[in-house]
């Protein structure tokens, strides 16, 4: 007897599962509608109790770029000269962006 080894093999369990799914499909409603319950006034951030910072002001001292620092032309971060990867006439690139 010749066997076709390229044919898909179907077990008895798979054949029964397919029939069960077809039976369930007839009992399900034909169309379903998803309802999303969203409150437009819902606040999407956390507010910690006693953390009223409305009267606070931030004060930061800005230090200008030093002589031994450069600004990377890719990530725009100020880096130390030891992190410079190209020394040619092109743009200055840091070790992370190289």
PDB file of N, CA and C in Angstrom:
ATOM      1  N   UNK A   1       0.842  -1.176   0.000  1.00  0.00           N
ATOM      2  CA  UNK A   1       0.000   0.000   0.000  1.00  0.00           C
ATOM      3  C   UNK A   1       0.889   1.242   0.000  1.00  0.00           C
ATOM      4  N   UNK A   2       0.642   2.184  -0.876  1.00  0.00           N
ATOM      5  CA  UNK A   2       1.441   3.402  -1.007  1.00  0.00           C
ATOM      6  C   UNK A   2       0.946   4.454  -0.024  1.00  0.00           C
ATOM      7  N   UNK A   3       1.890   5.228   0.513  1.00  0.00           N
ATOM      8  CA  UNK A   3       1.539   6.296   1.458  1.00  0.00           C
ATOM      9  C   UNK A   3       1.973   7.632   0.881  1.00  0.00           C
ATOM     10  N   UNK A   4       1.148   8.640   1.045  1.00  0.00           N
ATOM     11  CA  UNK A   4       1.482   9.986   0.628  1.00  0.00           C
ATOM     12  C   UNK A   4       2.040  10.724   1.848  1.00  0.00           C
ATOM     13  N   UNK A   5       3.377  10.873   1.881  1.00  0.00           N
ATOM     14  CA  UNK A   5       4.019  11.477   3.045  1.00  0.00           C
ATOM     15  C   UNK A   5       3.888  13.002   3.058  1.00  0.00           C
ATOM     16  N   UNK A   6       3.475  13.608   1.961  1.00  0.00           N
ATOM     17  CA  UNK A   6       3.297  15.056   1.906  1.00  0.00           C
ATOM     18  C   UNK A   6       1.921  15.503   2.367  1.00  0.00           C
ATOM     19  N   UNK A   7       1.005  14.574   2.511  1.00  0.00           N
ATOM     20  CA  UNK A   7      -0.349  14.930   2.915  1.00  0.00           C
ATOM     21  C   UNK A   7      -0.378  15.308   4.393  1.00  0.00           C
ATOM     22  N   UNK A   8      -1.267  16.253   4.737  1.00  0.00           N
ATOM     23  CA  UNK A   8      -1.413  16.686   6.130  1.00  0.00           C
ATOM     24  C   UNK A   8      -2.064  15.573   6.931  1.00  0.00           C
ATOM     25  N   UNK A   9      -1.516  15.331   8.099  1.00  0.00           N
ATOM     26  CA  UNK A   9      -2.051  14.294   8.974  1.00  0.00           C
ATOM     27  C   UNK A   9      -3.004  14.926   9.971  1.00  0.00           C
ATOM     28  N   UNK A  10      -4.203  14.405  10.056  1.00  0.00           N
ATOM     29  CA  UNK A  10      -5.217  14.928  10.962  1.00  0.00           C
ATOM     30  C   UNK A  10      -5.551  13.829  11.954  1.00  0.00           C
ATOM     31  N   UNK A  11      -5.397  14.173  13.245  1.00  0.00           N
ATOM     32  CA  UNK A  11      -5.741  13.188  14.273  1.00  0.00           C
ATOM     33  C   UNK A  11      -7.237  13.240  14.548  1.00  0.00           C
ATOM     34  N   UNK A  12      -7.732  12.250  15.255  1.00  0.00           N
ATOM     35  CA  UNK A  12      -9.153  12.204  15.596  1.00  0.00           C
ATOM     36  C   UNK A  12      -9.552  13.374  16.491  1.00  0.00           C
ATOM     37  N   UNK A  13      -8.643  13.802  17.372  1.00  0.00           N
ATOM     38  CA  UNK A  13      -8.947  14.895  18.295  1.00  0.00           C
ATOM     39  C   UNK A  13      -9.110  16.199  17.523  1.00  0.00           C
ATOM     40  N   UNK A  14      -8.229  16.438  16.527  1.00  0.00           N
ATOM     41  CA  UNK A  14      -8.332  17.669  15.747  1.00  0.00           C
ATOM     42  C   UNK A  14      -9.625  17.691  14.946  1.00  0.00           C
ATOM     43  N   UNK A  15     -10.033  16.576  14.425  1.00  0.00           N
ATOM     44  CA  UNK A  15     -11.275  16.506  13.649  1.00  0.00           C
ATOM     45  C   UNK A  15     -12.477  16.806  14.538  1.00  0.00           C
ATOM     46  N   UNK A  16     -12.466  16.317  15.777  1.00  0.00           N
ATOM     47  CA  UNK A  16     -13.569  16.581  16.705  1.00  0.00           C
ATOM     48  C   UNK A  16     -13.589  18.046  17.111  1.00  0.00           C
ATOM     49  N   UNK A  17     -12.393  18.661  17.341  1.00  0.00           N
ATOM     50  CA  UNK A  17     -12.331  20.063  17.749  1.00  0.00           C
ATOM     51  C   UNK A  17     -12.902  20.970  16.665  1.00  0.00           C
ATOM     52  N   UNK A  18     -12.613  20.678  15.417  1.00  0.00           N
ATOM     53  CA  UNK A  18     -13.135  21.493  14.329  1.00  0.00           C
ATOM     54  C   UNK A  18     -14.638  21.433  14.257  1.00  0.00           C
ATOM     55  N   UNK A  19     -15.212  20.245  14.480  1.00  0.00           N
ATOM     56  CA  UNK A  19     -16.664  20.107  14.460  1.00  0.00           C
ATOM     57  C   UNK A  19     -17.287  20.856  15.633  1.00  0.00           C
ATOM     58  N   UNK A  20     -16.649  20.849  16.792  1.00  0.00           N
ATOM     59  CA  UNK A  20     -17.177  21.540  17.965  1.00  0.00           C
ATOM     60  C   UNK A  20     -17.163  23.051  17.749  1.00  0.00           C
ATOM     61  N   UNK A  21     -16.154  23.560  17.104  1.00  0.00           N
ATOM     62  CA  UNK A  21     -16.077  25.005  16.848  1.00  0.00           C
ATOM     63  C   UNK A  21     -17.180  25.419  15.881  1.00  0.00           C
ATOM     64  N   UNK A  22     -17.421  24.616  14.862  1.00  0.00           N
ATOM     65  CA  UNK A  22     -18.492  24.937  13.918  1.00  0.00           C
ATOM     66  C   UNK A  22     -19.853  24.931  14.613  1.00  0.00           C
ATOM     67  N   UNK A  23     -20.050  24.027  15.557  1.00  0.00           N
ATOM     68  CA  UNK A  23     -21.318  23.980  16.288  1.00  0.00           C
ATOM     69  C   UNK A  23     -21.489  25.220  17.159  1.00  0.00           C
ATOM     70  N   UNK A  24     -20.399  25.675  17.795  1.00  0.00           N
ATOM     71  CA  UNK A  24     -20.474  26.869  18.640  1.00  0.00           C
ATOM     72  C   UNK A  24     -20.697  28.121  17.815  1.00  0.00           C
ATOM     73  N   UNK A  25     -20.160  28.157  16.616  1.00  0.00           N
ATOM     74  CA  UNK A  25     -20.297  29.340  15.769  1.00  0.00           C
ATOM     75  C   UNK A  25     -21.748  29.609  15.423  1.00  0.00           C
ATOM     76  N   UNK A  26     -22.564  28.587  15.330  1.00  0.00           N
ATOM     77  CA  UNK A  26     -23.977  28.805  15.007  1.00  0.00           C
ATOM     78  C   UNK A  26     -24.750  29.368  16.190  1.00  0.00           C
ATOM     79  N   UNK A  27     -24.288  29.149  17.422  1.00  0.00           N
ATOM     80  CA  UNK A  27     -24.999  29.646  18.598  1.00  0.00           C
ATOM     81  C   UNK A  27     -24.587  31.062  18.975  1.00  0.00           C
ATOM     82  N   UNK A  28     -23.443  31.551  18.478  1.00  0.00           N
ATOM     83  CA  UNK A  28     -22.984  32.893  18.811  1.00  0.00           C
ATOM     84  C   UNK A  28     -23.752  33.926  17.997  1.00  0.00           C
ATOM     85  N   UNK A  29     -23.947  35.111  18.558  1.00  0.00           N
ATOM     86  CA  UNK A  29     -24.604  36.165  17.776  1.00  0.00           C
ATOM     87  C   UNK A  29     -23.713  36.570  16.604  1.00  0.00           C
ATOM     88  N   UNK A  30     -24.337  37.018  15.537  1.00  0.00           N
ATOM     89  CA  UNK A  30     -23.585  37.328  14.323  1.00  0.00           C
ATOM     90  C   UNK A  30     -22.739  38.585  14.461  1.00  0.00           C
ATOM     91  N   UNK A  31     -23.184  39.555  15.211  1.00  0.00           N
ATOM     92  CA  UNK A  31     -22.388  40.769  15.367  1.00  0.00           C
ATOM     93  C   UNK A  31     -22.334  41.148  16.841  1.00  0.00           C
ATOM     94  N   UNK A  32     -21.172  41.566  17.270  1.00  0.00           N
ATOM     95  CA  UNK A  32     -21.001  42.022  18.643  1.00  0.00           C
ATOM     96  C   UNK A  32     -20.428  43.428  18.613  1.00  0.00           C
ATOM     97  N   UNK A  33     -20.771  44.209  19.601  1.00  0.00           N
ATOM     98  CA  UNK A  33     -20.296  45.574  19.695  1.00  0.00           C
ATOM     99  C   UNK A  33     -19.536  45.739  21.001  1.00  0.00           C
ATOM    100  N   UNK A  34     -18.326  46.250  20.896  1.00  0.00           N
ATOM    101  CA  UNK A  34     -17.523  46.503  22.087  1.00  0.00           C
ATOM    102  C   UNK A  34     -17.900  47.868  22.650  1.00  0.00           C
ATOM    103  N   UNK A  35     -18.117  47.921  23.945  1.00  0.00           N
ATOM    104  CA  UNK A  35     -18.481  49.167  24.610  1.00  0.00           C
ATOM    105  C   UNK A  35     -17.321  49.558  25.512  1.00  0.00           C
ATOM    106  N   UNK A  36     -16.800  50.756  25.295  1.00  0.00           N
ATOM    107  CA  UNK A  36     -15.703  51.265  26.096  1.00  0.00           C
ATOM    108  C   UNK A  36     -16.272  52.257  27.088  1.00  0.00           C
ATOM    109  N   UNK A  37     -16.026  52.003  28.363  1.00  0.00           N
ATOM    110  CA  UNK A  37     -16.536  52.863  29.413  1.00  0.00           C
ATOM    111  C   UNK A  37     -15.415  53.812  29.837  1.00  0.00           C
ATOM    112  N   UNK A  38     -15.410  54.990  29.260  1.00  0.00           N
ATOM    113  CA  UNK A  38     -14.394  55.979  29.613  1.00  0.00           C
ATOM    114  C   UNK A  38     -15.064  57.237  30.118  1.00  0.00           C
ATOM    115  N   UNK A  39     -14.531  57.759  31.188  1.00  0.00           N
ATOM    116  CA  UNK A  39     -15.026  58.996  31.756  1.00  0.00           C
ATOM    117  C   UNK A  39     -14.181  60.141  31.204  1.00  0.00           C
ATOM    118  N   UNK A  40     -14.758  61.108  30.499  1.00  0.00           N
ATOM    119  CA  UNK A  40     -13.936  62.190  29.945  1.00  0.00           C
ATOM    120  C   UNK A  40     -13.318  63.067  31.022  1.00  0.00           C
ATOM    121  N   UNK A  41     -13.852  63.029  32.238  1.00  0.00           N
ATOM    122  CA  UNK A  41     -13.296  63.829  33.325  1.00  0.00           C
ATOM    123  C   UNK A  41     -12.272  63.058  34.150  1.00  0.00           C
ATOM    124  N   UNK A  42     -11.948  61.856  33.718  1.00  0.00           N
ATOM    125  CA  UNK A  42     -11.001  61.018  34.447  1.00  0.00           C
ATOM    126  C   UNK A  42      -9.605  61.626  34.366  1.00  0.00           C
ATOM    127  N   UNK A  43      -8.931  61.719  35.482  1.00  0.00           N
ATOM    128  CA  UNK A  43      -7.592  62.286  35.542  1.00  0.00           C
ATOM    129  C   UNK A  43      -6.583  61.157  35.352  1.00  0.00           C
ATOM    130  N   UNK A  44      -5.626  61.364  34.433  1.00  0.00           N
ATOM    131  CA  UNK A  44      -4.680  60.314  34.093  1.00  0.00           C
ATOM    132  C   UNK A  44      -3.318  60.484  34.770  1.00  0.00           C
ATOM    133  N   UNK A  45      -3.262  61.095  35.914  1.00  0.00           N
ATOM    134  CA  UNK A  45      -2.003  61.190  36.636  1.00  0.00           C
ATOM    135  C   UNK A  45      -2.275  60.949  38.121  1.00  0.00           C
ATOM    136  N   UNK A  46      -1.209  60.662  38.821  1.00  0.00           N
ATOM    137  CA  UNK A  46      -1.323  60.400  40.251  1.00  0.00           C
ATOM    138  C   UNK A  46      -1.031  61.671  41.018  1.00  0.00           C
ATOM    139  N   UNK A  47      -1.836  61.930  42.025  1.00  0.00           N
ATOM    140  CA  UNK A  47      -1.606  63.085  42.874  1.00  0.00           C
ATOM    141  C   UNK A  47      -1.343  62.580  44.276  1.00  0.00           C
ATOM    142  N   UNK A  48      -0.153  62.876  44.768  1.00  0.00           N
ATOM    143  CA  UNK A  48       0.228  62.425  46.096  1.00  0.00           C
ATOM    144  C   UNK A  48      -0.383  63.346  47.143  1.00  0.00           C
ATOM    145  N   UNK A  49      -0.843  62.786  48.253  1.00  0.00           N
ATOM    146  CA  UNK A  49      -1.427  63.630  49.295  1.00  0.00           C
ATOM    147  C   UNK A  49      -0.352  64.515  49.940  1.00  0.00           C
ATOM    148  N   UNK A  50      -0.680  65.780  50.097  1.00  0.00           N
ATOM    149  CA  UNK A  50       0.247  66.717  50.735  1.00  0.00           C
ATOM    150  C   UNK A  50       1.382  67.143  49.833  1.00  0.00           C
ATOM    151  N   UNK A  51       1.280  66.917  48.546  1.00  0.00           N
ATOM    152  CA  UNK A  51       2.364  67.266  47.638  1.00  0.00           C
ATOM    153  C   UNK A  51       1.971  68.453  46.764  1.00  0.00           C
ATOM    154  N   UNK A  52       1.471  69.490  47.368  1.00  0.00           N
ATOM    155  CA  UNK A  52       1.089  70.684  46.619  1.00  0.00           C
ATOM    156  C   UNK A  52       2.346  71.496  46.341  1.00  0.00           C
ATOM    157  N   UNK A  53       2.782  71.487  45.100  1.00  0.00           N
ATOM    158  CA  UNK A  53       3.999  72.190  44.721  1.00  0.00           C
ATOM    159  C   UNK A  53       3.699  73.412  43.871  1.00  0.00           C
ATOM    160  N   UNK A  54       2.476  73.915  43.937  1.00  0.00           N
ATOM    161  CA  UNK A  54       2.094  75.034  43.081  1.00  0.00           C
ATOM    162  C   UNK A  54       2.830  76.323  43.458  1.00  0.00           C
ATOM    163  N   UNK A  55       3.239  76.475  44.692  1.00  0.00           N
ATOM    164  CA  UNK A  55       3.931  77.688  45.106  1.00  0.00           C
ATOM    165  C   UNK A  55       5.444  77.587  45.008  1.00  0.00           C
ATOM    166  N   UNK A  56       5.967  76.462  44.582  1.00  0.00           N
ATOM    167  CA  UNK A  56       7.415  76.263  44.510  1.00  0.00           C
ATOM    168  C   UNK A  56       7.976  76.782  43.195  1.00  0.00           C
ATOM    169  N   UNK A  57       9.198  77.268  43.242  1.00  0.00           N
ATOM    170  CA  UNK A  57       9.904  77.700  42.040  1.00  0.00           C
ATOM    171  C   UNK A  57      11.210  76.939  41.967  1.00  0.00           C
ATOM    172  N   UNK A  58      11.551  76.527  40.773  1.00  0.00           N
ATOM    173  CA  UNK A  58      12.809  75.822  40.572  1.00  0.00           C
ATOM    174  C   UNK A  58      13.908  76.830  40.293  1.00  0.00           C
ATOM    175  N   UNK A  59      15.026  76.644  40.940  1.00  0.00           N
ATOM    176  CA  UNK A  59      16.167  77.513  40.686  1.00  0.00           C
ATOM    177  C   UNK A  59      17.377  76.623  40.399  1.00  0.00           C
ATOM    178  N   UNK A  60      17.919  76.765  39.206  1.00  0.00           N
ATOM    179  CA  UNK A  60      19.048  75.949  38.773  1.00  0.00           C
ATOM    180  C   UNK A  60      20.146  76.884  38.292  1.00  0.00           C
ATOM    181  N   UNK A  61      21.343  76.594  38.689  1.00  0.00           N
ATOM    182  CA  UNK A  61      22.485  77.360  38.223  1.00  0.00           C
ATOM    183  C   UNK A  61      22.991  76.722  36.941  1.00  0.00           C
ATOM    184  N   UNK A  62      23.009  77.490  35.857  1.00  0.00           N
ATOM    185  CA  UNK A  62      23.476  76.996  34.568  1.00  0.00           C
ATOM    186  C   UNK A  62      24.956  77.308  34.444  1.00  0.00           C
ATOM    187  N   UNK A  63      25.745  76.255  34.226  1.00  0.00           N
ATOM    188  CA  UNK A  63      27.185  76.411  34.082  1.00  0.00           C
ATOM    189  C   UNK A  63      27.510  76.368  32.594  1.00  0.00           C
ATOM    190  N   UNK A  64      28.211  77.362  32.067  1.00  0.00           N
ATOM    191  CA  UNK A  64      28.546  77.340  30.641  1.00  0.00           C
ATOM    192  C   UNK A  64      29.496  76.194  30.297  1.00  0.00           C
ATOM    193  N   UNK A  65      29.532  75.850  29.014  1.00  0.00           N
ATOM    194  CA  UNK A  65      30.392  74.755  28.556  1.00  0.00           C
ATOM    195  C   UNK A  65      31.847  75.085  28.843  1.00  0.00           C
ATOM    196  N   UNK A  66      32.567  74.115  29.411  1.00  0.00           N
ATOM    197  CA  UNK A  66      33.956  74.308  29.793  1.00  0.00           C
ATOM    198  C   UNK A  66      34.873  74.090  28.583  1.00  0.00           C
ATOM    199  N   UNK A  67      36.125  74.432  28.720  1.00  0.00           N
ATOM    200  CA  UNK A  67      37.093  74.307  27.620  1.00  0.00           C
ATOM    201  C   UNK A  67      37.366  72.849  27.281  1.00  0.00           C
ATOM    202  N   UNK A  68      37.215  71.944  28.259  1.00  0.00           N
ATOM    203  CA  UNK A  68      37.492  70.531  28.001  1.00  0.00           C
ATOM    204  C   UNK A  68      36.216  69.746  27.678  1.00  0.00           C
ATOM    205  N   UNK A  69      35.156  70.419  27.239  1.00  0.00           N
ATOM    206  CA  UNK A  69      33.901  69.769  26.904  1.00  0.00           C
ATOM    207  C   UNK A  69      33.513  70.104  25.462  1.00  0.00           C
ATOM    208  N   UNK A  70      32.649  69.260  24.891  1.00  0.00           N
ATOM    209  CA  UNK A  70      32.122  69.500  23.554  1.00  0.00           C
ATOM    210  C   UNK A  70      30.659  69.078  23.530  1.00  0.00           C
ATOM    211  N   UNK A  71      29.920  69.549  22.560  1.00  0.00           N
ATOM    212  CA  UNK A  71      28.526  69.167  22.388  1.00  0.00           C
ATOM    213  C   UNK A  71      28.440  68.193  21.218  1.00  0.00           C
ATOM    214  N   UNK A  72      27.919  67.007  21.476  1.00  0.00           N
ATOM    215  CA  UNK A  72      27.774  65.980  20.441  1.00  0.00           C
ATOM    216  C   UNK A  72      26.757  66.464  19.409  1.00  0.00           C
ATOM    217  N   UNK A  73      27.095  66.319  18.136  1.00  0.00           N
ATOM    218  CA  UNK A  73      26.191  66.792  17.084  1.00  0.00           C
ATOM    219  C   UNK A  73      25.085  65.783  16.787  1.00  0.00           C
ATOM    220  N   UNK A  74      25.101  64.611  17.442  1.00  0.00           N
ATOM    221  CA  UNK A  74      24.056  63.619  17.232  1.00  0.00           C
ATOM    222  C   UNK A  74      23.038  63.628  18.377  1.00  0.00           C
ATOM    223  N   UNK A  75      23.508  63.536  19.621  1.00  0.00           N
ATOM    224  CA  UNK A  75      22.593  63.499  20.769  1.00  0.00           C
ATOM    225  C   UNK A  75      22.470  64.847  21.471  1.00  0.00           C
ATOM    226  N   UNK A  76      23.298  65.814  21.108  1.00  0.00           N
ATOM    227  CA  UNK A  76      23.272  67.176  21.644  1.00  0.00           C
ATOM    228  C   UNK A  76      23.529  67.250  23.144  1.00  0.00           C
ATOM    229  N   UNK A  77      24.256  66.282  23.678  1.00  0.00           N
ATOM    230  CA  UNK A  77      24.647  66.314  25.077  1.00  0.00           C
ATOM    231  C   UNK A  77      26.059  66.869  25.196  1.00  0.00           C
ATOM    232  N   UNK A  78      26.304  67.585  26.280  1.00  0.00           N
ATOM    233  CA  UNK A  78      27.647  68.095  26.537  1.00  0.00           C
ATOM    234  C   UNK A  78      28.457  66.969  27.158  1.00  0.00           C
ATOM    235  N   UNK A  79      29.572  66.641  26.529  1.00  0.00           N
ATOM    236  CA  UNK A  79      30.413  65.526  26.951  1.00  0.00           C
ATOM    237  C   UNK A  79      31.829  66.027  27.228  1.00  0.00           C
ATOM    238  N   UNK A  80      32.580  65.256  27.995  1.00  0.00           N
ATOM    239  CA  UNK A  80      33.988  65.558  28.234  1.00  0.00           C
ATOM    240  C   UNK A  80      34.788  65.206  26.983  1.00  0.00           C
ATOM    241  N   UNK A  81      35.915  65.898  26.754  1.00  0.00           N
ATOM    242  CA  UNK A  81      36.741  65.668  25.560  1.00  0.00           C
ATOM    243  C   UNK A  81      37.224  64.220  25.455  1.00  0.00           C
ATOM    244  N   UNK A  82      37.353  63.508  26.555  1.00  0.00           N
ATOM    245  CA  UNK A  82      37.817  62.116  26.505  1.00  0.00           C
ATOM    246  C   UNK A  82      36.786  61.212  25.832  1.00  0.00           C
ATOM    247  N   UNK A  83      35.531  61.663  25.684  1.00  0.00           N
ATOM    248  CA  UNK A  83      34.475  60.877  25.044  1.00  0.00           C
ATOM    249  C   UNK A  83      34.346  61.183  23.552  1.00  0.00           C
ATOM    250  N   UNK A  84      35.172  62.072  23.027  1.00  0.00           N
ATOM    251  CA  UNK A  84      35.152  62.442  21.620  1.00  0.00           C
ATOM    252  C   UNK A  84      35.699  61.298  20.780  1.00  0.00           C
ATOM    253  N   UNK A  85      34.977  60.889  19.723  1.00  0.00           N
ATOM    254  CA  UNK A  85      35.388  59.738  18.913  1.00  0.00           C
ATOM    255  C   UNK A  85      35.931  60.114  17.548  1.00  0.00           C
ATOM    256  N   UNK A  86      35.603  61.254  16.998  1.00  0.00           N
ATOM    257  CA  UNK A  86      36.206  61.636  15.724  1.00  0.00           C
ATOM    258  C   UNK A  86      37.016  62.900  15.919  1.00  0.00           C
ATOM    259  N   UNK A  87      38.196  62.931  15.352  1.00  0.00           N
ATOM    260  CA  UNK A  87      39.068  64.098  15.484  1.00  0.00           C
ATOM    261  C   UNK A  87      39.243  64.793  14.145  1.00  0.00           C
ATOM    262  N   UNK A  88      38.503  64.360  13.135  1.00  0.00           N
ATOM    263  CA  UNK A  88      38.597  64.957  11.797  1.00  0.00           C
ATOM    264  C   UNK A  88      37.838  66.262  11.720  1.00  0.00           C
ATOM    265  N   UNK A  89      37.738  66.795  10.499  1.00  0.00           N
ATOM    266  CA  UNK A  89      37.072  68.081  10.306  1.00  0.00           C
ATOM    267  C   UNK A  89      35.541  67.976  10.359  1.00  0.00           C
ATOM    268  N   UNK A  90      34.992  66.787  10.474  1.00  0.00           N
ATOM    269  CA  UNK A  90      33.532  66.603  10.475  1.00  0.00           C
ATOM    270  C   UNK A  90      32.906  66.989  11.792  1.00  0.00           C
ATOM    271  N   UNK A  91      31.639  66.638  11.960  1.00  0.00           N
ATOM    272  CA  UNK A  91      30.930  66.981  13.204  1.00  0.00           C
ATOM    273  C   UNK A  91      31.486  66.207  14.386  1.00  0.00           C
ATOM    274  N   UNK A  92      31.347  66.790  15.571  1.00  0.00           N
ATOM    275  CA  UNK A  92      31.831  66.163  16.796  1.00  0.00           C
ATOM    276  C   UNK A  92      30.827  65.111  17.253  1.00  0.00           C
ATOM    277  N   UNK A  93      31.291  63.860  17.449  1.00  0.00           N
ATOM    278  CA  UNK A  93      30.454  62.744  17.824  1.00  0.00           C
ATOM    279  C   UNK A  93      31.010  62.120  19.109  1.00  0.00           C
ATOM    280  N   UNK A  94      30.130  61.795  20.060  1.00  0.00           N
ATOM    281  CA  UNK A  94      30.558  61.183  21.321  1.00  0.00           C
ATOM    282  C   UNK A  94      30.691  59.672  21.154  1.00  0.00           C
ATOM    283  N   UNK A  95      31.197  59.006  22.169  1.00  0.00           N
ATOM    284  CA  UNK A  95      31.439  57.557  22.131  1.00  0.00           C
ATOM    285  C   UNK A  95      30.128  56.788  22.054  1.00  0.00           C
ATOM    286  N   UNK A  96      29.067  57.278  22.637  1.00  0.00           N
ATOM    287  CA  UNK A  96      27.786  56.579  22.602  1.00  0.00           C
ATOM    288  C   UNK A  96      27.159  56.598  21.213  1.00  0.00           C
ATOM    289  N   UNK A  97      27.333  57.694  20.481  1.00  0.00           N
ATOM    290  CA  UNK A  97      26.708  57.835  19.160  1.00  0.00           C
ATOM    291  C   UNK A  97      27.588  57.282  18.046  1.00  0.00           C
ATOM    292  N   UNK A  98      28.858  57.071  18.298  1.00  0.00           N
ATOM    293  CA  UNK A  98      29.772  56.589  17.244  1.00  0.00           C
ATOM    294  C   UNK A  98      29.505  55.153  16.894  1.00  0.00           C
TER     295      UNK A  98
END
